[in-house]
């Protein structure tokens, strides 16, 4: 009669650090390769840039899937809850800030006054929303764990 295999132990802090460092190295390499492709003429530079970013994102996604499959159910629930509530809440707060600055002419200097291009403004808005989402996520994640301990 076959015995049940020993249950798999969930991944711990070491696996989390491994994923962070590994994905960080891949991101750094992708950034360096992106710098090398900037001088290529269009459309080759755009295609090469896209390819580098696509490969880096695929590696990052694969690392996240590996990590996600290795964590326990409580950690999964904490992350899902935190992303839903914290990420959504952070996005709402960041969105209100951006809309206030965008729709009120007196709230912020114009792009021309700041010397920014449309692409720089778009990237800045994306970063602001991402930072608000991550901050909301971090607060909600900590709240979830404090509530369930």
C-alpha atoms as a PDB file:
ATOM      1  CA  UNK A   1       0.000   0.000   0.000  1.00  0.00           C
ATOM      2  CA  UNK A   2       1.395   3.393  -1.025  1.00  0.00           C
ATOM      3  CA  UNK A   3       1.829   6.018   1.622  1.00  0.00           C
ATOM      4  CA  UNK A   4       0.848   9.602   1.055  1.00  0.00           C
ATOM      5  CA  UNK A   5       3.808  11.759   0.104  1.00  0.00           C
ATOM      6  CA  UNK A   6       5.002  14.275   2.657  1.00  0.00           C
ATOM      7  CA  UNK A   7       3.153  17.577   2.169  1.00  0.00           C
ATOM      8  CA  UNK A   8       5.192  20.218   0.403  1.00  0.00           C
ATOM      9  CA  UNK A   9       6.388  23.013   2.678  1.00  0.00           C
ATOM     10  CA  UNK A  10       5.418  26.479   1.428  1.00  0.00           C
ATOM     11  CA  UNK A  11       8.120  28.777   0.132  1.00  0.00           C
ATOM     12  CA  UNK A  12       9.595  31.134   2.669  1.00  0.00           C
ATOM     13  CA  UNK A  13      11.531  34.377   2.813  1.00  0.00           C
ATOM     14  CA  UNK A  14      14.508  32.916   0.928  1.00  0.00           C
ATOM     15  CA  UNK A  15      12.387  32.177  -2.153  1.00  0.00           C
ATOM     16  CA  UNK A  16      10.881  35.663  -1.986  1.00  0.00           C
ATOM     17  CA  UNK A  17      14.339  37.256  -1.864  1.00  0.00           C
ATOM     18  CA  UNK A  18      15.493  34.972  -4.700  1.00  0.00           C
ATOM     19  CA  UNK A  19      12.595  36.124  -6.883  1.00  0.00           C
ATOM     20  CA  UNK A  20      13.203  39.792  -6.025  1.00  0.00           C
ATOM     21  CA  UNK A  21      16.934  39.606  -6.744  1.00  0.00           C
ATOM     22  CA  UNK A  22      16.471  37.498  -9.882  1.00  0.00           C
ATOM     23  CA  UNK A  23      13.783  39.731 -11.335  1.00  0.00           C
ATOM     24  CA  UNK A  24      15.841  42.798 -10.387  1.00  0.00           C
ATOM     25  CA  UNK A  25      18.842  41.412 -12.285  1.00  0.00           C
ATOM     26  CA  UNK A  26      16.690  40.618 -15.311  1.00  0.00           C
ATOM     27  CA  UNK A  27      15.231  44.147 -15.159  1.00  0.00           C
ATOM     28  CA  UNK A  28      18.711  45.671 -14.948  1.00  0.00           C
ATOM     29  CA  UNK A  29      19.893  43.614 -17.905  1.00  0.00           C
ATOM     30  CA  UNK A  30      16.794  44.595 -19.873  1.00  0.00           C
ATOM     31  CA  UNK A  31      17.403  48.256 -19.065  1.00  0.00           C
ATOM     32  CA  UNK A  32      21.000  47.960 -20.274  1.00  0.00           C
ATOM     33  CA  UNK A  33      19.901  46.252 -23.473  1.00  0.00           C
ATOM     34  CA  UNK A  34      17.251  48.915 -23.969  1.00  0.00           C
ATOM     35  CA  UNK A  35      19.983  51.545 -23.780  1.00  0.00           C
ATOM     36  CA  UNK A  36      21.916  49.691 -26.470  1.00  0.00           C
ATOM     37  CA  UNK A  37      18.884  49.541 -28.784  1.00  0.00           C
ATOM     38  CA  UNK A  38      18.102  53.269 -28.519  1.00  0.00           C
ATOM     39  CA  UNK A  39      20.540  54.169 -31.277  1.00  0.00           C
ATOM     40  CA  UNK A  40      19.025  51.781 -33.814  1.00  0.00           C
ATOM     41  CA  UNK A  41      17.034  53.400 -36.620  1.00  0.00           C
ATOM     42  CA  UNK A  42      13.258  53.085 -36.684  1.00  0.00           C
ATOM     43  CA  UNK A  43      11.544  50.632 -36.848  1.00  0.00           C
ATOM     44  CA  UNK A  44      14.392  48.311 -35.779  1.00  0.00           C
ATOM     45  CA  UNK A  45      15.024  50.124 -32.504  1.00  0.00           C
ATOM     46  CA  UNK A  46      11.349  50.043 -31.535  1.00  0.00           C
ATOM     47  CA  UNK A  47      11.053  46.327 -32.402  1.00  0.00           C
ATOM     48  CA  UNK A  48      14.286  45.451 -30.552  1.00  0.00           C
ATOM     49  CA  UNK A  49      13.178  47.501 -27.544  1.00  0.00           C
ATOM     50  CA  UNK A  50       9.797  45.784 -27.502  1.00  0.00           C
ATOM     51  CA  UNK A  51      11.411  42.348 -27.815  1.00  0.00           C
ATOM     52  CA  UNK A  52      13.787  43.004 -24.917  1.00  0.00           C
ATOM     53  CA  UNK A  53      10.954  44.231 -22.695  1.00  0.00           C
ATOM     54  CA  UNK A  54       8.687  41.328 -23.714  1.00  0.00           C
ATOM     55  CA  UNK A  55      11.339  38.737 -22.811  1.00  0.00           C
ATOM     56  CA  UNK A  56      12.096  40.473 -19.499  1.00  0.00           C
ATOM     57  CA  UNK A  57       8.396  40.669 -18.615  1.00  0.00           C
ATOM     58  CA  UNK A  58       7.882  36.996 -19.543  1.00  0.00           C
ATOM     59  CA  UNK A  59      10.755  35.988 -17.248  1.00  0.00           C
ATOM     60  CA  UNK A  60       9.323  38.155 -14.469  1.00  0.00           C
ATOM     61  CA  UNK A  61       5.865  36.648 -14.916  1.00  0.00           C
ATOM     62  CA  UNK A  62       7.288  33.110 -14.876  1.00  0.00           C
ATOM     63  CA  UNK A  63       9.148  33.873 -11.634  1.00  0.00           C
ATOM     64  CA  UNK A  64       5.964  35.241 -10.072  1.00  0.00           C
ATOM     65  CA  UNK A  65       3.960  32.178 -11.133  1.00  0.00           C
ATOM     66  CA  UNK A  66       6.630  29.890  -9.609  1.00  0.00           C
ATOM     67  CA  UNK A  67       6.547  31.888  -6.369  1.00  0.00           C
ATOM     68  CA  UNK A  68       2.714  32.037  -6.297  1.00  0.00           C
ATOM     69  CA  UNK A  69       2.425  28.254  -6.669  1.00  0.00           C
ATOM     70  CA  UNK A  70       4.814  27.777  -3.774  1.00  0.00           C
ATOM     71  CA  UNK A  71       3.137  29.951  -1.141  1.00  0.00           C
ATOM     72  CA  UNK A  72       0.398  28.757   1.179  1.00  0.00           C
ATOM     73  CA  UNK A  73      -3.302  29.583   0.955  1.00  0.00           C
ATOM     74  CA  UNK A  74      -3.175  32.241   3.684  1.00  0.00           C
ATOM     75  CA  UNK A  75      -0.427  34.153   1.880  1.00  0.00           C
ATOM     76  CA  UNK A  76      -2.362  33.932  -1.379  1.00  0.00           C
ATOM     77  CA  UNK A  77      -5.501  35.290   0.258  1.00  0.00           C
ATOM     78  CA  UNK A  78      -3.551  38.129   1.877  1.00  0.00           C
ATOM     79  CA  UNK A  79      -2.071  39.156  -1.461  1.00  0.00           C
ATOM     80  CA  UNK A  80      -5.377  38.901  -3.340  1.00  0.00           C
ATOM     81  CA  UNK A  81      -7.235  40.876  -0.671  1.00  0.00           C
ATOM     82  CA  UNK A  82      -4.502  43.507  -0.454  1.00  0.00           C
ATOM     83  CA  UNK A  83      -4.327  43.963  -4.207  1.00  0.00           C
ATOM     84  CA  UNK A  84      -8.090  44.236  -4.577  1.00  0.00           C
ATOM     85  CA  UNK A  85      -8.723  46.643  -1.702  1.00  0.00           C
ATOM     86  CA  UNK A  86      -5.377  48.359  -1.306  1.00  0.00           C
ATOM     87  CA  UNK A  87      -4.494  48.569  -4.991  1.00  0.00           C
ATOM     88  CA  UNK A  88      -7.968  49.745  -5.952  1.00  0.00           C
ATOM     89  CA  UNK A  89      -8.072  52.269  -3.117  1.00  0.00           C
ATOM     90  CA  UNK A  90      -4.605  53.560  -3.966  1.00  0.00           C
ATOM     91  CA  UNK A  91      -5.561  53.879  -7.610  1.00  0.00           C
ATOM     92  CA  UNK A  92      -8.677  55.851  -6.637  1.00  0.00           C
ATOM     93  CA  UNK A  93      -6.688  58.261  -4.435  1.00  0.00           C
ATOM     94  CA  UNK A  94      -3.989  58.683  -7.092  1.00  0.00           C
ATOM     95  CA  UNK A  95      -6.644  59.172  -9.737  1.00  0.00           C
ATOM     96  CA  UNK A  96      -8.331  61.893  -7.689  1.00  0.00           C
ATOM     97  CA  UNK A  97      -4.973  63.653  -7.315  1.00  0.00           C
ATOM     98  CA  UNK A  98      -4.215  63.425 -11.030  1.00  0.00           C
ATOM     99  CA  UNK A  99      -7.707  64.562 -12.017  1.00  0.00           C
ATOM    100  CA  UNK A 100      -7.503  67.486  -9.604  1.00  0.00           C
ATOM    101  CA  UNK A 101      -4.148  68.548 -11.023  1.00  0.00           C
ATOM    102  CA  UNK A 102      -5.277  67.987 -14.611  1.00  0.00           C
ATOM    103  CA  UNK A 103      -8.709  69.595 -14.514  1.00  0.00           C
ATOM    104  CA  UNK A 104      -7.899  72.616 -12.323  1.00  0.00           C
ATOM    105  CA  UNK A 105      -5.772  75.110 -14.250  1.00  0.00           C
ATOM    106  CA  UNK A 106      -4.556  76.794 -11.065  1.00  0.00           C
ATOM    107  CA  UNK A 107      -3.614  73.601  -9.200  1.00  0.00           C
ATOM    108  CA  UNK A 108      -0.337  72.847 -10.973  1.00  0.00           C
ATOM    109  CA  UNK A 109       2.075  74.440 -13.436  1.00  0.00           C
ATOM    110  CA  UNK A 110       1.552  73.592 -17.092  1.00  0.00           C
ATOM    111  CA  UNK A 111       3.641  71.089 -18.976  1.00  0.00           C
ATOM    112  CA  UNK A 112       5.275  73.922 -20.892  1.00  0.00           C
ATOM    113  CA  UNK A 113       6.238  75.672 -17.646  1.00  0.00           C
ATOM    114  CA  UNK A 114       7.813  72.452 -16.398  1.00  0.00           C
ATOM    115  CA  UNK A 115       9.510  71.755 -19.733  1.00  0.00           C
ATOM    116  CA  UNK A 116       7.945  68.288 -20.029  1.00  0.00           C
ATOM    117  CA  UNK A 117       6.849  66.453 -23.148  1.00  0.00           C
ATOM    118  CA  UNK A 118       3.559  64.606 -23.496  1.00  0.00           C
ATOM    119  CA  UNK A 119       5.380  61.263 -23.129  1.00  0.00           C
ATOM    120  CA  UNK A 120       7.041  62.455 -19.904  1.00  0.00           C
ATOM    121  CA  UNK A 121       3.693  63.606 -18.504  1.00  0.00           C
ATOM    122  CA  UNK A 122       2.077  60.281 -19.392  1.00  0.00           C
ATOM    123  CA  UNK A 123       4.923  58.302 -17.816  1.00  0.00           C
ATOM    124  CA  UNK A 124       4.785  60.507 -14.713  1.00  0.00           C
ATOM    125  CA  UNK A 125       1.053  59.912 -14.327  1.00  0.00           C
ATOM    126  CA  UNK A 126       1.551  56.177 -14.714  1.00  0.00           C
ATOM    127  CA  UNK A 127       4.258  56.203 -12.029  1.00  0.00           C
ATOM    128  CA  UNK A 128       2.078  58.225  -9.667  1.00  0.00           C
ATOM    129  CA  UNK A 129      -0.814  55.768 -10.018  1.00  0.00           C
ATOM    130  CA  UNK A 130       1.534  52.786  -9.581  1.00  0.00           C
ATOM    131  CA  UNK A 131       3.068  54.265  -6.422  1.00  0.00           C
ATOM    132  CA  UNK A 132      -0.381  54.939  -4.939  1.00  0.00           C
ATOM    133  CA  UNK A 133      -1.451  51.381  -5.798  1.00  0.00           C
ATOM    134  CA  UNK A 134       1.659  49.884  -4.193  1.00  0.00           C
ATOM    135  CA  UNK A 135       1.287  52.038  -1.088  1.00  0.00           C
ATOM    136  CA  UNK A 136      -2.373  51.022  -0.747  1.00  0.00           C
ATOM    137  CA  UNK A 137      -1.430  47.396  -1.324  1.00  0.00           C
ATOM    138  CA  UNK A 138       1.255  47.507   1.390  1.00  0.00           C
ATOM    139  CA  UNK A 139      -1.135  49.044   3.935  1.00  0.00           C
ATOM    140  CA  UNK A 140      -3.932  46.579   3.099  1.00  0.00           C
ATOM    141  CA  UNK A 141      -1.539  43.600   3.178  1.00  0.00           C
ATOM    142  CA  UNK A 142      -0.271  44.566   6.631  1.00  0.00           C
ATOM    143  CA  UNK A 143      -3.864  45.144   7.824  1.00  0.00           C
ATOM    144  CA  UNK A 144      -4.912  41.703   6.556  1.00  0.00           C
ATOM    145  CA  UNK A 145      -2.116  39.964   8.431  1.00  0.00           C
ATOM    146  CA  UNK A 146      -2.733  41.952  11.619  1.00  0.00           C
ATOM    147  CA  UNK A 147      -6.417  41.051  11.479  1.00  0.00           C
ATOM    148  CA  UNK A 148      -5.752  37.339  10.849  1.00  0.00           C
ATOM    149  CA  UNK A 149      -2.985  36.720  13.383  1.00  0.00           C
END
